[in-house]
Amino acid sequence: MARDPVLEQRSGWPSRWLRALLLLQLLRWRYARGELPFSSSRHPGFADLLSEQQLLEVQDLTLSLLQGGGLGPLSLLPPDLPDLEPECREMLMDFANSSAELTGCLVRSARPVRLCQTCYPLFQQVASKMDNISRNVGVGREAARHLWHGAGKNSSESPNCARSLLMADRMQIVVMVSEFFNTTWQEANCANCLTNNSEDLSNNTEYFLSLFNKTLACFEHNLQGHTYSLLPPKNYSEVCKNCNDAYKNLSALYTEMQKKNGLENKAEPGTHLCIDVEDAMNITRKLWSRTFNCSVTCSDTVSVVAVSVFILFLPVVFYLSSFLHSEQKKRKLILPKRLKSSTSFANIQENST
């Protein structure tokens, strides 16, 4: 039976590395005891222990260990230790880089909340990387053998990156990170701000953000030349007067978006608009009502007041009419004839006596 020289060379390497390690430990022990004299000559004292070739091997091994390279693919470690294939390692690094970018974007956009409009491209990128890992199930050994025999070429087995990266341990870090991003995105309801394919902001969202920026610009323009924190409430009258139309348009659009969202999600009570729109409207309302102390005049105020006064006066009118009607009845009261005759007879008797 022919012997494979490649296998012999590979099988001989571990013993050579083992000898080199043992010799290295021996050198360190003798050097610690002071038995190795060092001088200016090249490696004095080493000749009685190592040949030139063995010395070079020890030096190469020491350099490899110091550089953190380990013992390489021909190490003494068992060959079945779990390790990532280059393709899986590349997928893991792509997911890690995308996750780091998305995490930084979410944190930077936390206050004021701008995460949906700022981070949606990065979220789509992370979702794409995760999808690539999930779909990379590899080719099994039998399938790979079948392809190899059918193609007649040296075909290697495709790695199962989904199993290596998503199901290899109890923690499942990649899955945990992906679920965190998905949960954050769903709780922020960012899909409500985006188009159906989530590739861009919707028209309503862009229009709302445009009105929001105009309203804030109006506030800032009417506050120029004043110290914001020292202004008494009466000096905010210019803001209330000049920015009233901008605020009313923004509030009306927000109400319309809420009604539309409620009609589209009848089966899901308590649904919200995306967090960017809600936070922008909350900021505007706090500035308008609490900081500037402005109020929006209602166009139906006169009619509301008239109806309220009419309802309040209804009891007064009712009791007054009842009183007048009872007085009129008393004036028209007529005594019966029998009562009149008995009264006249009593008067005659009194006169006779």
Protein backbone atom coordinates (compact mmCIF):
# COMPACT_ATOMS: atom_id res chain seq x y z
CA MET A 1 0.00 0.00 0.00
CA ALA A 2 1.45 3.36 -1.07
CA ARG A 3 2.22 5.83 1.68
CA ASP A 4 1.01 9.36 1.39
CA PRO A 5 3.97 11.74 1.85
CA VAL A 6 1.64 14.61 2.70
CA LEU A 7 0.07 12.68 5.57
CA GLU A 8 3.48 11.62 6.80
CA GLN A 9 4.64 15.21 6.77
CA ARG A 10 1.54 16.39 8.63
CA SER A 11 1.77 13.54 11.16
CA GLY A 12 5.42 14.33 11.79
CA TRP A 13 4.81 17.99 12.52
CA PRO A 14 3.17 17.55 15.98
CA SER A 15 6.14 15.56 17.27
CA ARG A 16 8.54 18.21 15.99
CA TRP A 17 6.55 20.98 17.68
CA LEU A 18 6.38 18.93 20.88
CA ARG A 19 10.15 18.49 20.88
CA ALA A 20 10.60 22.20 20.29
CA LEU A 21 8.30 23.06 23.19
CA LEU A 22 10.15 20.71 25.51
CA LEU A 23 13.47 22.14 24.49
CA LEU A 24 12.18 25.65 25.00
CA GLN A 25 11.06 24.81 28.54
CA LEU A 26 14.46 23.23 29.22
CA LEU A 27 16.21 26.35 28.01
CA ARG A 28 14.08 28.56 30.23
CA TRP A 29 14.80 26.31 33.26
CA ARG A 30 18.56 26.27 32.71
CA TYR A 31 18.63 30.00 32.04
CA ALA A 32 16.79 30.63 35.31
CA ARG A 33 19.47 28.62 37.14
CA GLY A 34 22.30 30.53 35.44
CA GLU A 35 23.67 27.55 33.59
CA LEU A 36 23.56 29.25 30.17
CA PRO A 37 26.42 31.71 29.65
CA PHE A 38 25.59 34.51 27.21
CA SER A 39 28.34 36.47 25.50
CA SER A 40 28.85 38.43 22.34
CA SER A 41 29.34 35.30 20.27
CA ARG A 42 26.36 33.83 18.44
CA HIS A 43 24.40 31.57 20.81
CA PRO A 44 27.23 30.35 23.07
CA GLY A 45 26.17 27.58 25.35
CA PHE A 46 23.36 26.46 23.04
CA ALA A 47 25.52 24.18 20.93
CA ASP A 48 25.60 21.46 23.54
CA LEU A 49 21.81 21.36 23.59
CA LEU A 50 20.47 22.22 20.13
CA SER A 51 21.58 21.92 16.57
CA GLU A 52 21.32 24.91 14.27
CA GLN A 53 18.10 23.64 12.69
CA GLN A 54 16.49 22.94 16.07
CA LEU A 55 17.49 26.38 17.30
CA LEU A 56 15.79 28.02 14.32
CA GLU A 57 12.64 26.00 14.97
CA VAL A 58 12.58 27.10 18.61
CA GLN A 59 13.05 30.73 17.61
CA ASP A 60 10.25 30.53 15.04
CA LEU A 61 7.94 28.93 17.58
CA THR A 62 8.73 31.56 20.20
CA LEU A 63 8.06 34.37 17.72
CA SER A 64 4.75 32.81 16.72
CA LEU A 65 3.63 32.52 20.34
CA LEU A 66 4.67 36.07 21.19
CA GLN A 67 2.73 37.45 18.21
CA GLY A 68 -0.45 35.70 19.39
CA GLY A 69 -0.65 33.48 16.36
CA GLY A 70 -0.90 30.26 18.35
CA LEU A 71 0.36 27.11 16.78
CA GLY A 72 -1.53 27.59 13.53
CA PRO A 73 -3.52 24.94 11.67
CA LEU A 74 -0.91 22.27 12.46
CA SER A 75 -1.23 22.70 16.23
CA LEU A 76 -1.49 20.00 18.84
CA LEU A 77 -5.13 21.00 19.51
CA PRO A 78 -7.85 18.51 18.55
CA PRO A 79 -9.05 19.03 14.99
CA ASP A 80 -12.75 18.91 15.97
CA LEU A 81 -12.77 22.11 18.05
CA PRO A 82 -15.59 24.46 16.98
CA ASP A 83 -14.37 27.23 14.74
CA LEU A 84 -16.02 29.51 12.21
CA GLU A 85 -15.53 29.11 8.52
CA PRO A 86 -14.24 32.21 6.72
CA GLU A 87 -17.63 32.77 5.10
CA CYS A 88 -19.42 32.63 8.47
CA ARG A 89 -16.77 34.82 10.07
CA GLU A 90 -17.36 37.45 7.37
CA MET A 91 -21.13 37.34 7.94
CA LEU A 92 -20.64 37.73 11.68
CA MET A 93 -18.36 40.74 11.21
CA ASP A 94 -20.83 42.36 8.80
CA PHE A 95 -23.65 41.93 11.30
CA ALA A 96 -21.47 43.26 14.14
CA ASN A 97 -20.49 46.40 12.21
CA SER A 98 -24.07 47.09 11.14
CA SER A 99 -25.35 46.53 14.68
CA ALA A 100 -22.77 48.94 16.09
CA GLU A 101 -23.79 51.63 13.60
CA LEU A 102 -27.50 51.16 14.35
CA THR A 103 -26.91 51.21 18.12
CA GLY A 104 -25.01 54.49 17.86
CA CYS A 105 -27.76 56.00 15.71
CA LEU A 106 -30.50 54.98 18.17
CA VAL A 107 -28.65 56.45 21.13
CA ARG A 108 -27.78 59.70 19.35
CA SER A 109 -31.41 60.11 18.22
CA ALA A 110 -32.92 59.37 21.62
CA ARG A 111 -33.55 63.02 22.64
CA PRO A 112 -35.26 64.65 20.91
CA VAL A 113 -36.64 61.48 19.35
CA ARG A 114 -35.54 61.23 15.74
CA LEU A 115 -34.77 57.53 15.52
CA CYS A 116 -37.34 56.53 12.86
CA GLN A 117 -36.43 59.25 10.39
CA THR A 118 -32.68 58.97 11.02
CA CYS A 119 -32.00 55.28 11.59
CA TYR A 120 -34.31 53.48 9.18
CA PRO A 121 -31.56 52.87 6.53
CA LEU A 122 -29.33 51.29 9.20
CA PHE A 123 -32.22 49.18 10.50
CA GLN A 124 -32.86 47.86 7.01
CA GLN A 125 -29.15 47.08 6.70
CA VAL A 126 -29.11 45.09 9.96
CA ALA A 127 -32.27 43.22 8.94
CA SER A 128 -30.62 42.34 5.63
CA LYS A 129 -27.47 41.04 7.33
CA MET A 130 -29.56 38.94 9.72
CA ASP A 131 -31.57 37.57 6.81
CA ASN A 132 -28.36 36.55 5.05
CA ILE A 133 -27.26 34.61 8.12
CA SER A 134 -30.67 32.95 8.59
CA ARG A 135 -30.84 31.81 4.98
CA ASN A 136 -27.30 30.43 4.94
CA VAL A 137 -28.10 26.88 6.00
CA GLY A 138 -25.27 25.42 3.96
CA VAL A 139 -25.18 22.16 1.99
CA GLY A 140 -25.21 18.87 3.88
CA ARG A 141 -22.52 16.22 3.52
CA GLU A 142 -24.66 13.94 1.39
CA ALA A 143 -25.68 16.80 -0.89
CA ALA A 144 -22.10 17.98 -1.14
CA ARG A 145 -20.93 14.43 -2.00
CA HIS A 146 -23.67 14.18 -4.62
CA LEU A 147 -22.63 17.47 -6.17
CA TRP A 148 -19.00 16.42 -6.12
CA HIS A 149 -19.67 13.11 -7.91
CA GLY A 150 -22.17 14.65 -10.31
CA ALA A 151 -20.01 17.58 -11.32
CA GLY A 152 -16.82 15.60 -11.40
CA LYS A 153 -14.99 18.46 -9.68
CA ASN A 154 -13.43 19.03 -6.31
CA SER A 155 -16.48 20.55 -4.63
CA SER A 156 -16.24 21.38 -0.90
CA GLU A 157 -19.06 21.35 1.63
CA SER A 158 -20.80 24.70 2.14
CA PRO A 159 -20.76 25.83 5.79
CA ASN A 160 -23.98 26.05 7.78
CA CYS A 161 -23.57 29.59 9.11
CA ALA A 162 -27.11 29.76 10.48
CA ARG A 163 -26.42 26.88 12.84
CA SER A 164 -22.95 28.12 13.80
CA LEU A 165 -24.02 31.69 14.54
CA LEU A 166 -27.61 31.34 15.73
CA MET A 167 -27.92 27.96 17.48
CA ALA A 168 -24.47 26.98 18.68
CA ASP A 169 -24.83 28.05 22.32
CA ARG A 170 -27.37 28.84 25.00
CA MET A 171 -26.98 32.63 24.91
CA GLN A 172 -27.50 33.07 21.16
CA ILE A 173 -26.05 36.57 21.19
CA VAL A 174 -26.76 37.27 17.53
CA VAL A 175 -30.42 36.33 17.93
CA MET A 176 -30.68 38.37 21.12
CA VAL A 177 -29.27 41.50 19.46
CA SER A 178 -31.55 41.08 16.44
CA GLU A 179 -34.64 40.68 18.66
CA PHE A 180 -33.67 43.81 20.60
CA PHE A 181 -33.59 45.87 17.42
CA ASN A 182 -36.90 44.43 16.19
CA THR A 183 -38.62 45.07 19.53
CA THR A 184 -37.35 48.65 19.67
CA TRP A 185 -38.52 49.27 16.11
CA GLN A 186 -41.98 47.86 16.79
CA GLU A 187 -42.48 49.75 20.06
CA ALA A 188 -41.48 52.98 18.33
CA ASN A 189 -44.02 52.09 15.57
CA CYS A 190 -41.59 53.36 12.97
CA ALA A 191 -43.45 51.51 10.22
CA ASN A 192 -46.19 54.14 10.57
CA CYS A 193 -43.73 56.83 9.44
CA LEU A 194 -42.39 54.90 6.46
CA THR A 195 -43.72 53.72 3.14
CA ASN A 196 -44.99 50.18 2.66
CA ASN A 197 -41.57 48.86 1.67
CA SER A 198 -39.92 50.87 4.51
CA GLU A 199 -37.41 52.40 2.12
CA ASP A 200 -38.34 56.04 2.72
CA LEU A 201 -40.48 58.37 4.83
CA SER A 202 -44.16 58.58 3.90
CA ASN A 203 -45.62 61.74 2.39
CA ASN A 204 -47.67 62.57 5.49
CA THR A 205 -44.63 62.21 7.71
CA GLU A 206 -42.49 64.47 5.52
CA TYR A 207 -45.27 67.08 5.37
CA PHE A 208 -45.77 66.96 9.15
CA LEU A 209 -42.04 67.34 9.81
CA SER A 210 -41.96 70.27 7.39
CA LEU A 211 -44.78 72.04 9.27
CA PHE A 212 -43.10 71.20 12.57
CA ASN A 213 -39.85 72.84 11.46
CA LYS A 214 -41.74 75.90 10.23
CA THR A 215 -43.55 76.22 13.56
CA LEU A 216 -40.31 76.02 15.52
CA ALA A 217 -38.72 78.54 13.17
CA CYS A 218 -41.66 80.89 13.82
CA PHE A 219 -41.18 80.52 17.57
CA GLU A 220 -37.47 81.24 17.29
CA HIS A 221 -37.98 84.20 14.96
CA ASN A 222 -40.43 85.91 17.32
CA LEU A 223 -38.17 85.31 20.31
CA GLN A 224 -35.08 86.92 18.78
CA GLY A 225 -33.61 89.76 20.77
CA HIS A 226 -35.06 88.54 24.06
CA THR A 227 -33.66 86.52 26.90
CA TYR A 228 -35.68 83.31 26.71
CA SER A 229 -35.52 82.33 30.38
CA LEU A 230 -36.21 85.84 31.74
CA LEU A 231 -39.19 86.78 29.58
CA PRO A 232 -42.36 87.44 31.55
CA PRO A 233 -45.50 85.75 30.18
CA LYS A 234 -46.90 88.98 28.75
CA ASN A 235 -43.98 89.30 26.31
CA TYR A 236 -44.95 86.05 24.60
CA SER A 237 -47.94 87.73 23.00
CA GLU A 238 -46.03 88.21 19.74
CA VAL A 239 -45.35 84.49 19.53
CA CYS A 240 -49.00 83.65 20.17
CA LYS A 241 -50.18 86.17 17.60
CA ASN A 242 -47.71 85.58 14.79
CA CYS A 243 -47.45 81.79 15.08
CA ASN A 244 -51.10 81.01 15.64
CA ASP A 245 -51.75 79.90 12.05
CA ALA A 246 -48.65 77.68 11.94
CA TYR A 247 -49.59 75.98 15.19
CA LYS A 248 -53.21 75.45 14.11
CA ASN A 249 -52.11 73.87 10.80
CA LEU A 250 -49.72 71.54 12.58
CA SER A 251 -52.30 70.52 15.17
CA ALA A 252 -54.96 69.92 12.51
CA LEU A 253 -52.63 67.72 10.49
CA TYR A 254 -51.72 65.71 13.59
CA THR A 255 -55.41 65.15 14.40
CA GLU A 256 -56.06 64.06 10.83
CA MET A 257 -53.16 61.58 10.96
CA GLN A 258 -54.50 60.19 14.23
CA LYS A 259 -57.97 59.64 12.76
CA LYS A 260 -56.54 58.01 9.65
CA ASN A 261 -54.36 55.73 11.74
CA GLY A 262 -57.34 54.77 13.90
CA LEU A 263 -59.44 53.86 10.86
CA GLU A 264 -56.66 51.76 9.36
CA ASN A 265 -56.07 49.87 12.64
CA LYS A 266 -59.59 49.21 13.93
CA ALA A 267 -58.63 45.70 14.98
CA GLU A 268 -55.68 46.96 17.03
CA PRO A 269 -56.88 49.31 19.79
CA GLY A 270 -54.37 51.69 21.30
CA THR A 271 -52.22 51.99 18.20
CA HIS A 272 -50.03 55.07 18.01
CA LEU A 273 -48.33 57.14 15.40
CA CYS A 274 -44.59 56.72 15.10
CA ILE A 275 -42.60 58.05 18.03
CA ASP A 276 -40.98 60.83 15.99
CA VAL A 277 -44.33 62.43 15.13
CA GLU A 278 -45.74 62.02 18.64
CA ASP A 279 -42.66 63.50 20.29
CA ALA A 280 -42.59 66.44 17.89
CA MET A 281 -46.25 67.25 18.62
CA ASN A 282 -45.73 66.92 22.38
CA ILE A 283 -42.80 69.35 22.24
CA THR A 284 -44.84 71.87 20.26
CA ARG A 285 -47.86 71.67 22.58
CA LYS A 286 -45.72 72.11 25.69
CA LEU A 287 -44.06 75.18 24.23
CA TRP A 288 -47.38 76.65 23.11
CA SER A 289 -49.44 76.07 26.24
CA ARG A 290 -46.97 75.92 29.13
CA THR A 291 -44.02 78.04 28.05
CA PHE A 292 -45.74 80.70 25.93
CA ASN A 293 -49.11 80.41 27.69
CA CYS A 294 -50.97 80.73 24.41
CA SER A 295 -54.51 79.57 23.75
CA VAL A 296 -56.26 78.78 20.51
CA THR A 297 -59.57 80.64 20.08
CA CYS A 298 -62.37 78.41 18.93
CA SER A 299 -64.43 79.61 15.95
CA ASP A 300 -67.68 78.31 17.53
CA THR A 301 -67.23 80.16 20.83
CA VAL A 302 -70.20 82.53 20.28
CA SER A 303 -72.63 79.76 19.46
CA VAL A 304 -71.42 77.64 22.37
CA VAL A 305 -71.85 80.53 24.80
CA ALA A 306 -75.34 81.34 23.45
CA VAL A 307 -76.54 77.76 23.80
CA SER A 308 -75.09 77.54 27.31
CA VAL A 309 -76.84 80.73 28.45
CA PHE A 310 -80.14 79.56 26.96
CA ILE A 311 -79.92 76.24 28.80
CA LEU A 312 -79.07 78.00 32.08
CA PHE A 313 -82.07 80.33 31.80
CA LEU A 314 -84.59 77.58 31.03
CA PRO A 315 -85.31 76.82 34.73
CA VAL A 316 -85.71 80.54 35.49
CA VAL A 317 -88.19 80.96 32.66
CA PHE A 318 -90.10 77.87 33.76
CA TYR A 319 -90.52 78.97 37.39
CA LEU A 320 -91.37 82.56 36.44
CA SER A 321 -94.09 81.48 34.05
CA SER A 322 -95.53 79.12 36.67
CA PHE A 323 -95.69 81.92 39.24
CA LEU A 324 -97.44 84.38 36.89
CA HIS A 325 -99.95 81.77 35.81
CA SER A 326 -100.92 80.96 39.42
CA GLU A 327 -101.50 84.66 40.29
CA GLN A 328 -103.82 85.07 37.35
CA LYS A 329 -105.91 82.11 38.48
CA LYS A 330 -106.40 83.65 41.93
CA ARG A 331 -107.78 86.88 40.48
CA LYS A 332 -110.41 85.06 38.43
CA LEU A 333 -111.74 82.97 41.36
CA ILE A 334 -115.65 83.26 41.76
CA LEU A 335 -117.59 82.24 44.88
CA PRO A 336 -120.41 79.65 44.49
CA LYS A 337 -124.13 80.80 44.71
CA ARG A 338 -124.87 78.74 47.85
CA LEU A 339 -122.01 80.37 49.62
CA LYS A 340 -123.41 83.84 48.67
CA SER A 341 -126.98 83.07 50.02
CA SER A 342 -125.73 81.74 53.34
CA THR A 343 -123.60 84.79 53.76
CA SER A 344 -126.50 87.22 53.13
CA PHE A 345 -128.81 85.31 55.56
CA ALA A 346 -126.20 85.61 58.29
CA ASN A 347 -125.99 89.36 57.72
CA ILE A 348 -129.81 89.78 58.02
CA GLN A 349 -129.86 87.97 61.34
CA GLU A 350 -127.12 90.19 62.67
CA ASN A 351 -129.01 93.31 61.66
CA SER A 352 -132.28 92.13 63.32
CA THR A 353 -130.60 91.55 66.62
